[in-house]
Amino acid sequence: MIISPEPASLTPADQAARILAAWTSQNATGLHEELRRSLEISSAQPALAIQEERLQLLRAVTEGIQDAPDPLTLEDPKLQRCLYLLRHLAQTGSTGFLDSMVF
């Protein structure tokens, strides 16, 4: 059994990578869970300005994906932009596994 970290312990970059992994695997349930988790992440106290900006970007992108008619396809240009921004955000804390992902 995989134990997921608490939302408070995830960085926006970590969470962006988790969303991308769920999207890449075409796991609708996992994607919806990771999107929900994104909205529960809170700023570390005291938050650095850059971390607060990354958190706001993550939330905006999450809402954009949730608004997509079918978030598992690339037919919606808005969704394409959201995935591009997620990839960029995830690379701010990249551990290397994102380098092989193509969108």
PDB file of N, CA and C in Angstrom:
ATOM      1  N   MET A   1       0.833  -1.169   0.000  1.00  0.00           N
ATOM      2  CA  MET A   1       0.000   0.000   0.000  1.00  0.00           C
ATOM      3  C   MET A   1       0.886   1.243   0.000  1.00  0.00           C
ATOM      4  N   ILE A   2       0.586   2.179  -0.913  1.00  0.00           N
ATOM      5  CA  ILE A   2       1.349   3.409  -1.013  1.00  0.00           C
ATOM      6  C   ILE A   2       0.698   4.448  -0.121  1.00  0.00           C
ATOM      7  N   ILE A   3       1.504   5.067   0.705  1.00  0.00           N
ATOM      8  CA  ILE A   3       1.004   6.120   1.578  1.00  0.00           C
ATOM      9  C   ILE A   3       1.405   7.450   0.971  1.00  0.00           C
ATOM     10  N   SER A   4       0.414   8.259   0.682  1.00  0.00           N
ATOM     11  CA  SER A   4       0.670   9.563   0.088  1.00  0.00           C
ATOM     12  C   SER A   4       1.052  10.554   1.169  1.00  0.00           C
ATOM     13  N   PRO A   5       1.966  11.452   0.841  1.00  0.00           N
ATOM     14  CA  PRO A   5       2.314  12.475   1.817  1.00  0.00           C
ATOM     15  C   PRO A   5       1.126  13.404   2.061  1.00  0.00           C
ATOM     16  N   GLU A   6       1.101  13.993   3.229  1.00  0.00           N
ATOM     17  CA  GLU A   6       0.065  14.967   3.541  1.00  0.00           C
ATOM     18  C   GLU A   6       0.235  16.179   2.630  1.00  0.00           C
ATOM     19  N   PRO A   7      -0.864  16.808   2.207  1.00  0.00           N
ATOM     20  CA  PRO A   7      -0.739  17.968   1.329  1.00  0.00           C
ATOM     21  C   PRO A   7       0.179  19.047   1.875  1.00  0.00           C
ATOM     22  N   ALA A   8       0.190  19.251   3.178  1.00  0.00           N
ATOM     23  CA  ALA A   8       1.028  20.306   3.762  1.00  0.00           C
ATOM     24  C   ALA A   8       2.515  20.031   3.562  1.00  0.00           C
ATOM     25  N   SER A   9       2.900  18.768   3.362  1.00  0.00           N
ATOM     26  CA  SER A   9       4.315  18.438   3.216  1.00  0.00           C
ATOM     27  C   SER A   9       4.781  18.463   1.761  1.00  0.00           C
ATOM     28  N   LEU A  10       3.876  18.688   0.830  1.00  0.00           N
ATOM     29  CA  LEU A  10       4.229  18.719  -0.587  1.00  0.00           C
ATOM     30  C   LEU A  10       4.560  20.139  -1.023  1.00  0.00           C
ATOM     31  N   THR A  11       5.559  20.262  -1.869  1.00  0.00           N
ATOM     32  CA  THR A  11       5.830  21.551  -2.484  1.00  0.00           C
ATOM     33  C   THR A  11       4.982  21.657  -3.752  1.00  0.00           C
ATOM     34  N   PRO A  12       4.763  22.865  -4.250  1.00  0.00           N
ATOM     35  CA  PRO A  12       4.040  22.989  -5.517  1.00  0.00           C
ATOM     36  C   PRO A  12       4.709  22.213  -6.656  1.00  0.00           C
ATOM     37  N   ALA A  13       6.038  22.189  -6.674  1.00  0.00           N
ATOM     38  CA  ALA A  13       6.745  21.433  -7.708  1.00  0.00           C
ATOM     39  C   ALA A  13       6.470  19.936  -7.575  1.00  0.00           C
ATOM     40  N   ASP A  14       6.497  19.424  -6.344  1.00  0.00           N
ATOM     41  CA  ASP A  14       6.196  18.007  -6.110  1.00  0.00           C
ATOM     42  C   ASP A  14       4.786  17.672  -6.573  1.00  0.00           C
ATOM     43  N   GLN A  15       3.841  18.535  -6.218  1.00  0.00           N
ATOM     44  CA  GLN A  15       2.451  18.267  -6.564  1.00  0.00           C
ATOM     45  C   GLN A  15       2.222  18.370  -8.065  1.00  0.00           C
ATOM     46  N   ALA A  16       2.882  19.302  -8.718  1.00  0.00           N
ATOM     47  CA  ALA A  16       2.784  19.403 -10.177  1.00  0.00           C
ATOM     48  C   ALA A  16       3.261  18.104 -10.826  1.00  0.00           C
ATOM     49  N   ALA A  17       4.355  17.556 -10.321  1.00  0.00           N
ATOM     50  CA  ALA A  17       4.870  16.289 -10.850  1.00  0.00           C
ATOM     51  C   ALA A  17       3.880  15.157 -10.624  1.00  0.00           C
ATOM     52  N   ARG A  18       3.213  15.139  -9.484  1.00  0.00           N
ATOM     53  CA  ARG A  18       2.223  14.098  -9.185  1.00  0.00           C
ATOM     54  C   ARG A  18       1.026  14.197 -10.135  1.00  0.00           C
ATOM     55  N   ILE A  19       0.582  15.421 -10.427  1.00  0.00           N
ATOM     56  CA  ILE A  19      -0.527  15.607 -11.368  1.00  0.00           C
ATOM     57  C   ILE A  19      -0.119  15.121 -12.755  1.00  0.00           C
ATOM     58  N   LEU A  20       1.073  15.492 -13.181  1.00  0.00           N
ATOM     59  CA  LEU A  20       1.553  15.057 -14.493  1.00  0.00           C
ATOM     60  C   LEU A  20       1.662  13.540 -14.585  1.00  0.00           C
ATOM     61  N   ALA A  21       2.110  12.914 -13.526  1.00  0.00           N
ATOM     62  CA  ALA A  21       2.212  11.451 -13.521  1.00  0.00           C
ATOM     63  C   ALA A  21       0.834  10.817 -13.652  1.00  0.00           C
ATOM     64  N   ALA A  22      -0.151  11.353 -12.953  1.00  0.00           N
ATOM     65  CA  ALA A  22      -1.517  10.822 -13.056  1.00  0.00           C
ATOM     66  C   ALA A  22      -2.076  11.070 -14.449  1.00  0.00           C
ATOM     67  N   TRP A  23      -1.810  12.237 -15.016  1.00  0.00           N
ATOM     68  CA  TRP A  23      -2.305  12.543 -16.356  1.00  0.00           C
ATOM     69  C   TRP A  23      -1.653  11.625 -17.389  1.00  0.00           C
ATOM     70  N   THR A  24      -0.346  11.455 -17.285  1.00  0.00           N
ATOM     71  CA  THR A  24       0.388  10.620 -18.234  1.00  0.00           C
ATOM     72  C   THR A  24      -0.091   9.173 -18.199  1.00  0.00           C
ATOM     73  N   SER A  25      -0.446   8.693 -17.012  1.00  0.00           N
ATOM     74  CA  SER A  25      -0.930   7.314 -16.894  1.00  0.00           C
ATOM     75  C   SER A  25      -2.397   7.183 -17.296  1.00  0.00           C
ATOM     76  N   GLN A  26      -3.036   8.323 -17.621  1.00  0.00           N
ATOM     77  CA  GLN A  26      -4.453   8.347 -18.007  1.00  0.00           C
ATOM     78  C   GLN A  26      -5.345   7.767 -16.917  1.00  0.00           C
ATOM     79  N   ASN A  27      -4.967   8.014 -15.673  1.00  0.00           N
ATOM     80  CA  ASN A  27      -5.690   7.536 -14.502  1.00  0.00           C
ATOM     81  C   ASN A  27      -6.635   8.645 -14.024  1.00  0.00           C
ATOM     82  N   ALA A  28      -7.910   8.568 -14.456  1.00  0.00           N
ATOM     83  CA  ALA A  28      -8.878   9.623 -14.131  1.00  0.00           C
ATOM     84  C   ALA A  28      -9.072   9.772 -12.630  1.00  0.00           C
ATOM     85  N   THR A  29      -9.175   8.671 -11.924  1.00  0.00           N
ATOM     86  CA  THR A  29      -9.365   8.725 -10.470  1.00  0.00           C
ATOM     87  C   THR A  29      -8.157   9.353  -9.801  1.00  0.00           C
ATOM     88  N   GLY A  30      -6.975   8.910 -10.189  1.00  0.00           N
ATOM     89  CA  GLY A  30      -5.746   9.472  -9.628  1.00  0.00           C
ATOM     90  C   GLY A  30      -5.587  10.944  -9.958  1.00  0.00           C
ATOM     91  N   LEU A  31      -5.955  11.319 -11.181  1.00  0.00           N
ATOM     92  CA  LEU A  31      -5.858  12.717 -11.581  1.00  0.00           C
ATOM     93  C   LEU A  31      -6.777  13.583 -10.724  1.00  0.00           C
ATOM     94  N   HIS A  32      -8.019  13.162 -10.558  1.00  0.00           N
ATOM     95  CA  HIS A  32      -8.950  13.937  -9.740  1.00  0.00           C
ATOM     96  C   HIS A  32      -8.475  14.027  -8.287  1.00  0.00           C
ATOM     97  N   GLU A  33      -7.892  12.960  -7.776  1.00  0.00           N
ATOM     98  CA  GLU A  33      -7.367  12.978  -6.399  1.00  0.00           C
ATOM     99  C   GLU A  33      -6.209  13.966  -6.273  1.00  0.00           C
ATOM    100  N   GLU A  34      -5.307  13.959  -7.260  1.00  0.00           N
ATOM    101  CA  GLU A  34      -4.157  14.873  -7.200  1.00  0.00           C
ATOM    102  C   GLU A  34      -4.610  16.324  -7.380  1.00  0.00           C
ATOM    103  N   LEU A  35      -5.616  16.559  -8.207  1.00  0.00           N
ATOM    104  CA  LEU A  35      -6.139  17.912  -8.360  1.00  0.00           C
ATOM    105  C   LEU A  35      -6.764  18.389  -7.053  1.00  0.00           C
ATOM    106  N   ARG A  36      -7.504  17.518  -6.386  1.00  0.00           N
ATOM    107  CA  ARG A  36      -8.094  17.860  -5.092  1.00  0.00           C
ATOM    108  C   ARG A  36      -6.993  18.177  -4.086  1.00  0.00           C
ATOM    109  N   ARG A  37      -5.978  17.345  -4.064  1.00  0.00           N
ATOM    110  CA  ARG A  37      -4.863  17.532  -3.128  1.00  0.00           C
ATOM    111  C   ARG A  37      -4.161  18.878  -3.382  1.00  0.00           C
ATOM    112  N   SER A  38      -4.088  19.290  -4.643  1.00  0.00           N
ATOM    113  CA  SER A  38      -3.434  20.556  -4.977  1.00  0.00           C
ATOM    114  C   SER A  38      -4.097  21.742  -4.307  1.00  0.00           C
ATOM    115  N   LEU A  39      -5.401  21.677  -4.184  1.00  0.00           N
ATOM    116  CA  LEU A  39      -6.133  22.784  -3.576  1.00  0.00           C
ATOM    117  C   LEU A  39      -6.026  22.773  -2.060  1.00  0.00           C
ATOM    118  N   GLU A  40      -5.497  21.690  -1.483  1.00  0.00           N
ATOM    119  CA  GLU A  40      -5.340  21.593  -0.032  1.00  0.00           C
ATOM    120  C   GLU A  40      -3.948  21.980   0.456  1.00  0.00           C
ATOM    121  N   ILE A  41      -3.018  22.150  -0.467  1.00  0.00           N
ATOM    122  CA  ILE A  41      -1.656  22.518  -0.077  1.00  0.00           C
ATOM    123  C   ILE A  41      -1.676  23.929   0.486  1.00  0.00           C
ATOM    124  N   SER A  42      -1.044  24.099   1.607  1.00  0.00           N
ATOM    125  CA  SER A  42      -0.969  25.431   2.205  1.00  0.00           C
ATOM    126  C   SER A  42       0.471  25.911   2.184  1.00  0.00           C
ATOM    127  N   SER A  43       0.621  27.202   2.287  1.00  0.00           N
ATOM    128  CA  SER A  43       1.953  27.799   2.303  1.00  0.00           C
ATOM    129  C   SER A  43       2.666  27.425   3.595  1.00  0.00           C
ATOM    130  N   ALA A  44       3.948  27.151   3.466  1.00  0.00           N
ATOM    131  CA  ALA A  44       4.766  26.948   4.657  1.00  0.00           C
ATOM    132  C   ALA A  44       4.924  28.300   5.345  1.00  0.00           C
ATOM    133  N   GLN A  45       4.938  28.295   6.634  1.00  0.00           N
ATOM    134  CA  GLN A  45       5.061  29.553   7.373  1.00  0.00           C
ATOM    135  C   GLN A  45       6.499  29.737   7.824  1.00  0.00           C
ATOM    136  N   PRO A  46       7.166  30.827   7.587  1.00  0.00           N
ATOM    137  CA  PRO A  46       6.749  31.877   6.677  1.00  0.00           C
ATOM    138  C   PRO A  46       7.064  31.476   5.231  1.00  0.00           C
ATOM    139  N   ALA A  47       6.189  31.799   4.322  1.00  0.00           N
ATOM    140  CA  ALA A  47       6.370  31.414   2.918  1.00  0.00           C
ATOM    141  C   ALA A  47       7.304  32.399   2.213  1.00  0.00           C
ATOM    142  N   LEU A  48       8.200  31.864   1.434  1.00  0.00           N
ATOM    143  CA  LEU A  48       9.021  32.710   0.582  1.00  0.00           C
ATOM    144  C   LEU A  48       8.144  33.200  -0.561  1.00  0.00           C
ATOM    145  N   ALA A  49       8.436  34.359  -1.075  1.00  0.00           N
ATOM    146  CA  ALA A  49       7.624  34.923  -2.153  1.00  0.00           C
ATOM    147  C   ALA A  49       7.556  33.982  -3.345  1.00  0.00           C
ATOM    148  N   ILE A  50       8.674  33.367  -3.706  1.00  0.00           N
ATOM    149  CA  ILE A  50       8.682  32.475  -4.878  1.00  0.00           C
ATOM    150  C   ILE A  50       7.811  31.244  -4.627  1.00  0.00           C
ATOM    151  N   GLN A  51       7.826  30.710  -3.410  1.00  0.00           N
ATOM    152  CA  GLN A  51       6.986  29.550  -3.102  1.00  0.00           C
ATOM    153  C   GLN A  51       5.510  29.928  -3.136  1.00  0.00           C
ATOM    154  N   GLU A  52       5.188  31.111  -2.668  1.00  0.00           N
ATOM    155  CA  GLU A  52       3.794  31.577  -2.718  1.00  0.00           C
ATOM    156  C   GLU A  52       3.345  31.738  -4.164  1.00  0.00           C
ATOM    157  N   GLU A  53       4.215  32.258  -5.028  1.00  0.00           N
ATOM    158  CA  GLU A  53       3.877  32.390  -6.447  1.00  0.00           C
ATOM    159  C   GLU A  53       3.679  31.016  -7.086  1.00  0.00           C
ATOM    160  N   ARG A  54       4.524  30.072  -6.745  1.00  0.00           N
ATOM    161  CA  ARG A  54       4.381  28.716  -7.292  1.00  0.00           C
ATOM    162  C   ARG A  54       3.078  28.073  -6.817  1.00  0.00           C
ATOM    163  N   LEU A  55       2.727  28.310  -5.580  1.00  0.00           N
ATOM    164  CA  LEU A  55       1.482  27.772  -5.042  1.00  0.00           C
ATOM    165  C   LEU A  55       0.281  28.379  -5.772  1.00  0.00           C
ATOM    166  N   GLN A  56       0.316  29.672  -6.013  1.00  0.00           N
ATOM    167  CA  GLN A  56      -0.779  30.324  -6.737  1.00  0.00           C
ATOM    168  C   GLN A  56      -0.866  29.802  -8.167  1.00  0.00           C
ATOM    169  N   LEU A  57       0.281  29.588  -8.815  1.00  0.00           N
ATOM    170  CA  LEU A  57       0.290  29.019 -10.163  1.00  0.00           C
ATOM    171  C   LEU A  57      -0.308  27.616 -10.149  1.00  0.00           C
ATOM    172  N   LEU A  58       0.085  26.803  -9.185  1.00  0.00           N
ATOM    173  CA  LEU A  58      -0.450  25.445  -9.082  1.00  0.00           C
ATOM    174  C   LEU A  58      -1.962  25.472  -8.936  1.00  0.00           C
ATOM    175  N   ARG A  59      -2.464  26.337  -8.096  1.00  0.00           N
ATOM    176  CA  ARG A  59      -3.916  26.424  -7.895  1.00  0.00           C
ATOM    177  C   ARG A  59      -4.635  26.871  -9.158  1.00  0.00           C
ATOM    178  N   ALA A  60      -4.093  27.859  -9.861  1.00  0.00           N
ATOM    179  CA  ALA A  60      -4.717  28.343 -11.093  1.00  0.00           C
ATOM    180  C   ALA A  60      -4.737  27.253 -12.162  1.00  0.00           C
ATOM    181  N   VAL A  61      -3.630  26.546 -12.299  1.00  0.00           N
ATOM    182  CA  VAL A  61      -3.546  25.464 -13.285  1.00  0.00           C
ATOM    183  C   VAL A  61      -4.494  24.334 -12.899  1.00  0.00           C
ATOM    184  N   THR A  62      -4.559  24.011 -11.620  1.00  0.00           N
ATOM    185  CA  THR A  62      -5.474  22.971 -11.145  1.00  0.00           C
ATOM    186  C   THR A  62      -6.915  23.313 -11.517  1.00  0.00           C
ATOM    187  N   GLU A  63      -7.304  24.547 -11.277  1.00  0.00           N
ATOM    188  CA  GLU A  63      -8.659  24.966 -11.614  1.00  0.00           C
ATOM    189  C   GLU A  63      -8.896  24.901 -13.118  1.00  0.00           C
ATOM    190  N   GLY A  64      -7.891  25.248 -13.906  1.00  0.00           N
ATOM    191  CA  GLY A  64      -8.005  25.153 -15.363  1.00  0.00           C
ATOM    192  C   GLY A  64      -8.218  23.730 -15.830  1.00  0.00           C
ATOM    193  N   ILE A  65      -7.503  22.795 -15.233  1.00  0.00           N
ATOM    194  CA  ILE A  65      -7.658  21.382 -15.599  1.00  0.00           C
ATOM    195  C   ILE A  65      -9.031  20.878 -15.169  1.00  0.00           C
ATOM    196  N   GLN A  66      -9.469  21.267 -13.985  1.00  0.00           N
ATOM    197  CA  GLN A  66     -10.778  20.834 -13.504  1.00  0.00           C
ATOM    198  C   GLN A  66     -11.902  21.357 -14.394  1.00  0.00           C
ATOM    199  N   ASP A  67     -11.711  22.508 -15.014  1.00  0.00           N
ATOM    200  CA  ASP A  67     -12.731  23.092 -15.888  1.00  0.00           C
ATOM    201  C   ASP A  67     -12.771  22.456 -17.280  1.00  0.00           C
ATOM    202  N   ALA A  68     -11.748  21.693 -17.629  1.00  0.00           N
ATOM    203  CA  ALA A  68     -11.692  21.089 -18.963  1.00  0.00           C
ATOM    204  C   ALA A  68     -12.787  20.034 -19.119  1.00  0.00           C
ATOM    205  N   PRO A  69     -13.438  20.000 -20.288  1.00  0.00           N
ATOM    206  CA  PRO A  69     -14.486  19.000 -20.516  1.00  0.00           C
ATOM    207  C   PRO A  69     -13.968  17.567 -20.356  1.00  0.00           C
ATOM    208  N   ASP A  70     -12.783  17.303 -20.867  1.00  0.00           N
ATOM    209  CA  ASP A  70     -12.163  15.985 -20.723  1.00  0.00           C
ATOM    210  C   ASP A  70     -10.687  16.201 -20.412  1.00  0.00           C
ATOM    211  N   PRO A  71     -10.326  16.191 -19.123  1.00  0.00           N
ATOM    212  CA  PRO A  71      -8.950  16.534 -18.751  1.00  0.00           C
ATOM    213  C   PRO A  71      -7.901  15.485 -19.128  1.00  0.00           C
ATOM    214  N   LEU A  72      -8.301  14.385 -19.720  1.00  0.00           N
ATOM    215  CA  LEU A  72      -7.323  13.361 -20.102  1.00  0.00           C
ATOM    216  C   LEU A  72      -6.973  13.411 -21.589  1.00  0.00           C
ATOM    217  N   THR A  73      -7.480  14.417 -22.314  1.00  0.00           N
ATOM    218  CA  THR A  73      -7.133  14.563 -23.729  1.00  0.00           C
ATOM    219  C   THR A  73      -6.391  15.871 -23.927  1.00  0.00           C
ATOM    220  N   LEU A  74      -5.839  16.027 -25.113  1.00  0.00           N
ATOM    221  CA  LEU A  74      -5.131  17.269 -25.434  1.00  0.00           C
ATOM    222  C   LEU A  74      -5.901  18.106 -26.451  1.00  0.00           C
ATOM    223  N   GLU A  75      -7.187  17.846 -26.603  1.00  0.00           N
ATOM    224  CA  GLU A  75      -7.973  18.559 -27.604  1.00  0.00           C
ATOM    225  C   GLU A  75      -8.207  20.021 -27.239  1.00  0.00           C
ATOM    226  N   ASP A  76      -8.234  20.336 -25.967  1.00  0.00           N
ATOM    227  CA  ASP A  76      -8.513  21.690 -25.490  1.00  0.00           C
ATOM    228  C   ASP A  76      -7.207  22.478 -25.377  1.00  0.00           C
ATOM    229  N   PRO A  77      -7.052  23.576 -26.140  1.00  0.00           N
ATOM    230  CA  PRO A  77      -5.819  24.369 -26.048  1.00  0.00           C
ATOM    231  C   PRO A  77      -5.554  24.882 -24.629  1.00  0.00           C
ATOM    232  N   LYS A  78      -6.614  25.175 -23.885  1.00  0.00           N
ATOM    233  CA  LYS A  78      -6.447  25.628 -22.497  1.00  0.00           C
ATOM    234  C   LYS A  78      -5.786  24.527 -21.666  1.00  0.00           C
ATOM    235  N   LEU A  79      -6.198  23.293 -21.882  1.00  0.00           N
ATOM    236  CA  LEU A  79      -5.598  22.174 -21.162  1.00  0.00           C
ATOM    237  C   LEU A  79      -4.134  21.997 -21.562  1.00  0.00           C
ATOM    238  N   GLN A  80      -3.836  22.180 -22.829  1.00  0.00           N
ATOM    239  CA  GLN A  80      -2.447  22.089 -23.282  1.00  0.00           C
ATOM    240  C   GLN A  80      -1.577  23.109 -22.547  1.00  0.00           C
ATOM    241  N   ARG A  81      -2.081  24.328 -22.403  1.00  0.00           N
ATOM    242  CA  ARG A  81      -1.325  25.366 -21.677  1.00  0.00           C
ATOM    243  C   ARG A  81      -1.152  24.993 -20.210  1.00  0.00           C
ATOM    244  N   CYS A  82      -2.203  24.426 -19.616  1.00  0.00           N
ATOM    245  CA  CYS A  82      -2.125  24.008 -18.213  1.00  0.00           C
ATOM    246  C   CYS A  82      -1.040  22.944 -18.027  1.00  0.00           C
ATOM    247  N   LEU A  83      -0.995  21.975 -18.921  1.00  0.00           N
ATOM    248  CA  LEU A  83      -0.001  20.908 -18.816  1.00  0.00           C
ATOM    249  C   LEU A  83       1.415  21.457 -19.030  1.00  0.00           C
ATOM    250  N   TYR A  84       1.558  22.400 -19.951  1.00  0.00           N
ATOM    251  CA  TYR A  84       2.857  23.020 -20.172  1.00  0.00           C
ATOM    252  C   TYR A  84       3.324  23.738 -18.901  1.00  0.00           C
ATOM    253  N   LEU A  85       2.419  24.505 -18.284  1.00  0.00           N
ATOM    254  CA  LEU A  85       2.772  25.219 -17.052  1.00  0.00           C
ATOM    255  C   LEU A  85       3.077  24.257 -15.906  1.00  0.00           C
ATOM    256  N   LEU A  86       2.322  23.156 -15.833  1.00  0.00           N
ATOM    257  CA  LEU A  86       2.608  22.148 -14.799  1.00  0.00           C
ATOM    258  C   LEU A  86       4.000  21.555 -14.978  1.00  0.00           C
ATOM    259  N   ARG A  87       4.342  21.257 -16.224  1.00  0.00           N
ATOM    260  CA  ARG A  87       5.668  20.679 -16.490  1.00  0.00           C
ATOM    261  C   ARG A  87       6.758  21.666 -16.074  1.00  0.00           C
ATOM    262  N   HIS A  88       6.568  22.921 -16.411  1.00  0.00           N
ATOM    263  CA  HIS A  88       7.531  23.955 -16.024  1.00  0.00           C
ATOM    264  C   HIS A  88       7.633  24.050 -14.498  1.00  0.00           C
ATOM    265  N   LEU A  89       6.492  24.061 -13.828  1.00  0.00           N
ATOM    266  CA  LEU A  89       6.478  24.143 -12.368  1.00  0.00           C
ATOM    267  C   LEU A  89       7.155  22.919 -11.754  1.00  0.00           C
ATOM    268  N   ALA A  90       6.861  21.753 -12.287  1.00  0.00           N
ATOM    269  CA  ALA A  90       7.451  20.525 -11.754  1.00  0.00           C
ATOM    270  C   ALA A  90       8.974  20.530 -11.913  1.00  0.00           C
ATOM    271  N   GLN A  91       9.456  21.132 -12.973  1.00  0.00           N
ATOM    272  CA  GLN A  91      10.901  21.164 -13.200  1.00  0.00           C
ATOM    273  C   GLN A  91      11.625  22.091 -12.243  1.00  0.00           C
ATOM    274  N   THR A  92      10.897  22.947 -11.543  1.00  0.00           N
ATOM    275  CA  THR A  92      11.558  23.815 -10.560  1.00  0.00           C
ATOM    276  C   THR A  92      12.069  23.008  -9.381  1.00  0.00           C
ATOM    277  N   GLY A  93      11.566  21.793  -9.225  1.00  0.00           N
ATOM    278  CA  GLY A  93      12.031  20.913  -8.165  1.00  0.00           C
ATOM    279  C   GLY A  93      12.282  19.526  -8.725  1.00  0.00           C
ATOM    280  N   SER A  94      12.661  19.464  -9.992  1.00  0.00           N
ATOM    281  CA  SER A  94      12.775  18.201 -10.712  1.00  0.00           C
ATOM    282  C   SER A  94      13.796  17.247 -10.116  1.00  0.00           C
ATOM    283  N   THR A  95      13.377  15.986 -10.065  1.00  0.00           N
ATOM    284  CA  THR A  95      14.295  14.922  -9.654  1.00  0.00           C
ATOM    285  C   THR A  95      14.743  14.126 -10.863  1.00  0.00           C
ATOM    286  N   GLY A  96      14.357  14.587 -12.066  1.00  0.00           N
ATOM    287  CA  GLY A  96      14.832  13.948 -13.282  1.00  0.00           C
ATOM    288  C   GLY A  96      13.807  13.118 -14.024  1.00  0.00           C
ATOM    289  N   PHE A  97      12.758  12.601 -13.372  1.00  0.00           N
ATOM    290  CA  PHE A  97      11.843  11.705 -14.073  1.00  0.00           C
ATOM    291  C   PHE A  97      10.977  12.439 -15.076  1.00  0.00           C
ATOM    292  N   LEU A  98      10.854  13.749 -14.983  1.00  0.00           N
ATOM    293  CA  LEU A  98      10.036  14.497 -15.935  1.00  0.00           C
ATOM    294  C   LEU A  98      10.726  14.684 -17.282  1.00  0.00           C
ATOM    295  N   ASP A  99      12.016  14.521 -17.317  1.00  0.00           N
ATOM    296  CA  ASP A  99      12.754  14.776 -18.540  1.00  0.00           C
ATOM    297  C   ASP A  99      12.308  13.892 -19.698  1.00  0.00           C
ATOM    298  N   SER A 100      11.780  12.727 -19.424  1.00  0.00           N
ATOM    299  CA  SER A 100      11.368  11.817 -20.480  1.00  0.00           C
ATOM    300  C   SER A 100       9.904  11.992 -20.883  1.00  0.00           C
ATOM    301  N   MET A 101       9.162  12.843 -20.188  1.00  0.00           N
ATOM    302  CA  MET A 101       7.745  13.025 -20.482  1.00  0.00           C
ATOM    303  C   MET A 101       7.577  13.972 -21.651  1.00  0.00           C
ATOM    304  N   VAL A 102       6.709  13.605 -22.601  1.00  0.00           N
ATOM    305  CA  VAL A 102       6.433  14.422 -23.763  1.00  0.00           C
ATOM    306  C   VAL A 102       4.949  14.737 -23.792  1.00  0.00           C
ATOM    307  N   PHE A 103       4.635  15.999 -24.057  1.00  0.00           N
ATOM    308  CA  PHE A 103       3.233  16.430 -24.133  1.00  0.00           C
ATOM    309  C   PHE A 103       2.945  16.981 -25.504  1.00  0.00           C
TER     310      PHE A 103
END
